[in-house]
Amino acid sequence: MDKISGLLAEAKPLYKQRKKERQIMAGTFCSLVIGVWVGVQAMLPAPTLSEGQFYDYMAMLYDGDSYFAYEVESDDMLPLDGYGFYEVS
């Protein structure tokens, strides 16, 4: 039993050193991947809309009956008072 304890005590510093090296390598690799990703994203052009595309988009959103068609049933509504608060009976 003493021999096993001696082997474990001898191997413990080596195990801790290798574990620390693996953690450093993993952190370095993750930092490198994140740095490359940020660099690539910084070099890519930002997607933009031309003025015509913007007006077409806004017209599609707001110039139609579907924008204001909420289709809420009167049974689904809660009674409100004149201030917009819920009426309590």
N, C-alpha and C. Protein backbone atom coordinates (compact mmCIF):
# COMPACT_ATOMS: atom_id res chain seq x y z
N MET A 1 0.81 -1.18 0.00
CA MET A 1 0.00 0.00 0.00
C MET A 1 0.86 1.26 0.00
N ASP A 2 1.98 1.18 0.70
CA ASP A 2 2.89 2.33 0.75
C ASP A 2 3.49 2.61 -0.62
N LYS A 3 3.72 1.53 -1.40
CA LYS A 3 4.30 1.71 -2.74
C LYS A 3 3.31 2.44 -3.65
N ILE A 4 2.02 2.10 -3.53
CA ILE A 4 1.00 2.78 -4.36
C ILE A 4 0.92 4.24 -3.96
N SER A 5 0.93 4.50 -2.67
CA SER A 5 0.88 5.89 -2.20
C SER A 5 2.11 6.66 -2.68
N GLY A 6 3.25 6.03 -2.68
CA GLY A 6 4.46 6.67 -3.17
C GLY A 6 4.40 6.96 -4.65
N LEU A 7 3.86 6.01 -5.43
CA LEU A 7 3.70 6.25 -6.87
C LEU A 7 2.72 7.38 -7.15
N LEU A 8 1.62 7.39 -6.41
CA LEU A 8 0.64 8.47 -6.60
C LEU A 8 1.23 9.82 -6.22
N ALA A 9 1.99 9.87 -5.14
CA ALA A 9 2.62 11.12 -4.72
C ALA A 9 3.65 11.58 -5.74
N GLU A 10 4.33 10.62 -6.38
CA GLU A 10 5.33 10.96 -7.40
C GLU A 10 4.66 11.44 -8.69
N ALA A 11 3.50 10.86 -9.01
CA ALA A 11 2.83 11.19 -10.26
C ALA A 11 1.96 12.45 -10.15
N LYS A 12 1.60 12.86 -8.94
CA LYS A 12 0.70 14.00 -8.76
C LYS A 12 1.22 15.29 -9.38
N PRO A 13 2.47 15.69 -9.17
CA PRO A 13 2.94 16.94 -9.80
C PRO A 13 2.94 16.87 -11.33
N LEU A 14 3.30 15.71 -11.87
CA LEU A 14 3.28 15.56 -13.32
C LEU A 14 1.85 15.66 -13.85
N TYR A 15 0.91 15.03 -13.16
CA TYR A 15 -0.50 15.08 -13.57
C TYR A 15 -1.02 16.52 -13.53
N LYS A 16 -0.71 17.25 -12.46
CA LYS A 16 -1.16 18.64 -12.35
C LYS A 16 -0.53 19.51 -13.42
N GLN A 17 0.74 19.27 -13.74
CA GLN A 17 1.42 20.05 -14.77
C GLN A 17 0.78 19.80 -16.13
N ARG A 18 0.51 18.54 -16.46
CA ARG A 18 -0.12 18.23 -17.75
C ARG A 18 -1.54 18.80 -17.83
N LYS A 19 -2.27 18.73 -16.72
CA LYS A 19 -3.62 19.29 -16.70
C LYS A 19 -3.59 20.80 -16.94
N LYS A 20 -2.64 21.48 -16.31
CA LYS A 20 -2.50 22.92 -16.49
C LYS A 20 -2.12 23.25 -17.93
N GLU A 21 -1.22 22.46 -18.53
CA GLU A 21 -0.84 22.68 -19.92
C GLU A 21 -2.03 22.49 -20.85
N ARG A 22 -2.87 21.47 -20.59
CA ARG A 22 -4.05 21.25 -21.43
C ARG A 22 -5.03 22.42 -21.31
N GLN A 23 -5.19 22.95 -20.08
CA GLN A 23 -6.08 24.09 -19.89
C GLN A 23 -5.56 25.32 -20.63
N ILE A 24 -4.26 25.54 -20.58
CA ILE A 24 -3.67 26.69 -21.27
C ILE A 24 -3.84 26.54 -22.79
N MET A 25 -3.63 25.33 -23.30
CA MET A 25 -3.78 25.09 -24.74
C MET A 25 -5.24 25.28 -25.16
N ALA A 26 -6.17 24.80 -24.35
CA ALA A 26 -7.59 24.96 -24.68
C ALA A 26 -7.98 26.44 -24.67
N GLY A 27 -7.52 27.18 -23.68
CA GLY A 27 -7.81 28.62 -23.62
C GLY A 27 -7.21 29.37 -24.79
N THR A 28 -5.99 29.01 -25.16
CA THR A 28 -5.33 29.65 -26.30
C THR A 28 -6.09 29.35 -27.59
N PHE A 29 -6.51 28.11 -27.76
CA PHE A 29 -7.24 27.74 -28.96
C PHE A 29 -8.58 28.48 -29.05
N CYS A 30 -9.31 28.54 -27.93
CA CYS A 30 -10.59 29.26 -27.92
C CYS A 30 -10.39 30.74 -28.20
N SER A 31 -9.37 31.33 -27.62
CA SER A 31 -9.08 32.74 -27.87
C SER A 31 -8.74 32.99 -29.33
N LEU A 32 -7.97 32.07 -29.92
CA LEU A 32 -7.61 32.19 -31.33
C LEU A 32 -8.84 32.09 -32.22
N VAL A 33 -9.72 31.14 -31.93
CA VAL A 33 -10.94 30.98 -32.73
C VAL A 33 -11.82 32.22 -32.62
N ILE A 34 -12.00 32.73 -31.41
CA ILE A 34 -12.82 33.93 -31.22
C ILE A 34 -12.18 35.13 -31.91
N GLY A 35 -10.87 35.26 -31.80
CA GLY A 35 -10.18 36.37 -32.45
C GLY A 35 -10.30 36.33 -33.96
N VAL A 36 -10.16 35.15 -34.54
CA VAL A 36 -10.32 35.01 -35.99
C VAL A 36 -11.74 35.33 -36.40
N TRP A 37 -12.73 34.85 -35.63
CA TRP A 37 -14.13 35.10 -35.96
C TRP A 37 -14.44 36.61 -35.90
N VAL A 38 -13.96 37.29 -34.86
CA VAL A 38 -14.19 38.73 -34.75
C VAL A 38 -13.49 39.47 -35.89
N GLY A 39 -12.28 39.04 -36.24
CA GLY A 39 -11.57 39.68 -37.33
C GLY A 39 -12.27 39.51 -38.67
N VAL A 40 -12.79 38.32 -38.92
CA VAL A 40 -13.51 38.08 -40.18
C VAL A 40 -14.79 38.89 -40.20
N GLN A 41 -15.50 38.95 -39.07
CA GLN A 41 -16.74 39.73 -39.03
C GLN A 41 -16.46 41.22 -39.22
N ALA A 42 -15.33 41.70 -38.75
CA ALA A 42 -14.99 43.11 -38.91
C ALA A 42 -14.65 43.44 -40.36
N MET A 43 -14.12 42.47 -41.08
CA MET A 43 -13.74 42.73 -42.48
C MET A 43 -14.90 42.59 -43.44
N LEU A 44 -15.97 41.88 -43.05
CA LEU A 44 -17.11 41.70 -43.94
C LEU A 44 -17.90 43.00 -44.02
N PRO A 45 -18.43 43.31 -45.20
CA PRO A 45 -19.24 44.53 -45.30
C PRO A 45 -20.58 44.33 -44.59
N ALA A 46 -21.06 45.38 -43.97
CA ALA A 46 -22.33 45.32 -43.26
C ALA A 46 -23.46 45.29 -44.28
N PRO A 47 -24.46 44.47 -44.08
CA PRO A 47 -25.59 44.44 -45.01
C PRO A 47 -26.39 45.74 -44.89
N THR A 48 -26.62 46.39 -46.02
CA THR A 48 -27.35 47.65 -46.02
C THR A 48 -28.49 47.58 -47.02
N LEU A 49 -29.46 48.40 -46.80
CA LEU A 49 -30.59 48.53 -47.71
C LEU A 49 -30.45 49.85 -48.47
N SER A 50 -30.76 49.80 -49.74
CA SER A 50 -30.80 51.05 -50.48
C SER A 50 -32.06 51.79 -50.07
N GLU A 51 -32.15 53.04 -50.48
CA GLU A 51 -33.31 53.84 -50.09
C GLU A 51 -34.59 53.26 -50.66
N GLY A 52 -34.52 52.79 -51.89
CA GLY A 52 -35.70 52.18 -52.52
C GLY A 52 -36.13 50.91 -51.81
N GLN A 53 -35.16 50.07 -51.45
CA GLN A 53 -35.49 48.85 -50.72
C GLN A 53 -36.09 49.16 -49.35
N PHE A 54 -35.60 50.21 -48.71
CA PHE A 54 -36.13 50.60 -47.41
C PHE A 54 -37.58 51.04 -47.53
N TYR A 55 -37.88 51.89 -48.54
CA TYR A 55 -39.26 52.35 -48.72
C TYR A 55 -40.18 51.19 -49.09
N ASP A 56 -39.69 50.26 -49.89
CA ASP A 56 -40.50 49.08 -50.23
C ASP A 56 -40.79 48.26 -48.98
N TYR A 57 -39.80 48.11 -48.13
CA TYR A 57 -39.98 47.34 -46.89
C TYR A 57 -41.00 48.02 -45.98
N MET A 58 -40.89 49.35 -45.83
CA MET A 58 -41.83 50.05 -44.97
C MET A 58 -43.24 50.01 -45.54
N ALA A 59 -43.36 50.10 -46.85
CA ALA A 59 -44.67 50.02 -47.48
C ALA A 59 -45.27 48.64 -47.28
N MET A 60 -44.45 47.61 -47.38
CA MET A 60 -44.95 46.25 -47.17
C MET A 60 -45.45 46.09 -45.73
N LEU A 61 -44.78 46.72 -44.77
CA LEU A 61 -45.19 46.59 -43.38
C LEU A 61 -46.46 47.36 -43.06
N TYR A 62 -46.55 48.60 -43.52
CA TYR A 62 -47.59 49.48 -43.03
C TYR A 62 -48.70 49.78 -44.03
N ASP A 63 -48.51 49.57 -45.31
CA ASP A 63 -49.53 49.91 -46.30
C ASP A 63 -50.39 48.71 -46.64
N GLY A 64 -51.09 48.24 -45.70
CA GLY A 64 -51.98 47.12 -45.98
C GLY A 64 -52.95 46.92 -44.84
N ASP A 65 -54.02 46.26 -45.13
CA ASP A 65 -55.02 46.01 -44.10
C ASP A 65 -54.53 44.96 -43.10
N SER A 66 -53.60 44.12 -43.52
CA SER A 66 -53.15 43.05 -42.63
C SER A 66 -52.39 43.60 -41.43
N TYR A 67 -51.82 44.81 -41.53
CA TYR A 67 -51.09 45.39 -40.41
C TYR A 67 -52.02 45.72 -39.25
N PHE A 68 -53.23 46.18 -39.58
CA PHE A 68 -54.17 46.59 -38.54
C PHE A 68 -55.22 45.54 -38.23
N ALA A 69 -55.18 44.41 -38.88
CA ALA A 69 -56.17 43.36 -38.64
C ALA A 69 -55.69 42.48 -37.48
N TYR A 70 -56.10 42.84 -36.29
CA TYR A 70 -55.67 42.08 -35.12
C TYR A 70 -56.54 40.85 -34.90
N GLU A 71 -57.77 40.90 -35.36
CA GLU A 71 -58.71 39.79 -35.25
C GLU A 71 -58.85 39.34 -33.80
N VAL A 72 -59.15 40.29 -32.92
CA VAL A 72 -59.36 39.99 -31.51
C VAL A 72 -60.86 39.89 -31.28
N GLU A 73 -61.31 38.83 -30.69
CA GLU A 73 -62.72 38.65 -30.39
C GLU A 73 -63.09 39.51 -29.18
N SER A 74 -64.33 39.95 -29.13
CA SER A 74 -64.75 40.78 -28.01
C SER A 74 -64.74 39.98 -26.71
N ASP A 75 -64.89 38.66 -26.78
CA ASP A 75 -64.85 37.85 -25.57
C ASP A 75 -63.44 37.77 -24.99
N ASP A 76 -62.43 37.99 -25.82
CA ASP A 76 -61.04 37.90 -25.37
C ASP A 76 -60.56 39.18 -24.68
N MET A 77 -61.35 40.25 -24.76
CA MET A 77 -60.91 41.53 -24.21
C MET A 77 -61.34 41.66 -22.76
N LEU A 78 -60.51 42.29 -21.97
CA LEU A 78 -60.83 42.59 -20.59
C LEU A 78 -61.42 43.99 -20.52
N PRO A 79 -62.40 44.22 -19.66
CA PRO A 79 -62.99 45.57 -19.58
C PRO A 79 -62.00 46.57 -18.98
N LEU A 80 -61.91 47.72 -19.63
CA LEU A 80 -61.02 48.79 -19.18
C LEU A 80 -61.84 50.00 -18.80
N ASP A 81 -61.35 50.79 -17.86
CA ASP A 81 -62.05 52.03 -17.52
C ASP A 81 -61.54 53.14 -18.44
N GLY A 82 -61.93 54.38 -18.17
CA GLY A 82 -61.57 55.49 -19.03
C GLY A 82 -60.09 55.81 -19.05
N TYR A 83 -59.33 55.34 -18.05
CA TYR A 83 -57.90 55.60 -17.98
C TYR A 83 -57.06 54.47 -18.56
N GLY A 84 -57.70 53.41 -18.98
CA GLY A 84 -56.97 52.28 -19.54
C GLY A 84 -56.58 51.22 -18.54
N PHE A 85 -57.08 51.37 -17.30
CA PHE A 85 -56.82 50.36 -16.28
C PHE A 85 -57.92 49.31 -16.33
N TYR A 86 -57.64 48.13 -15.81
CA TYR A 86 -58.64 47.08 -15.77
C TYR A 86 -59.73 47.44 -14.78
N GLU A 87 -60.98 47.21 -15.19
CA GLU A 87 -62.09 47.46 -14.27
C GLU A 87 -62.17 46.33 -13.27
N VAL A 88 -62.36 46.71 -12.03
CA VAL A 88 -62.50 45.72 -10.96
C VAL A 88 -63.93 45.78 -10.49
N SER A 89 -64.60 44.62 -10.51
CA SER A 89 -65.99 44.65 -10.06
C SER A 89 -66.11 44.20 -8.64
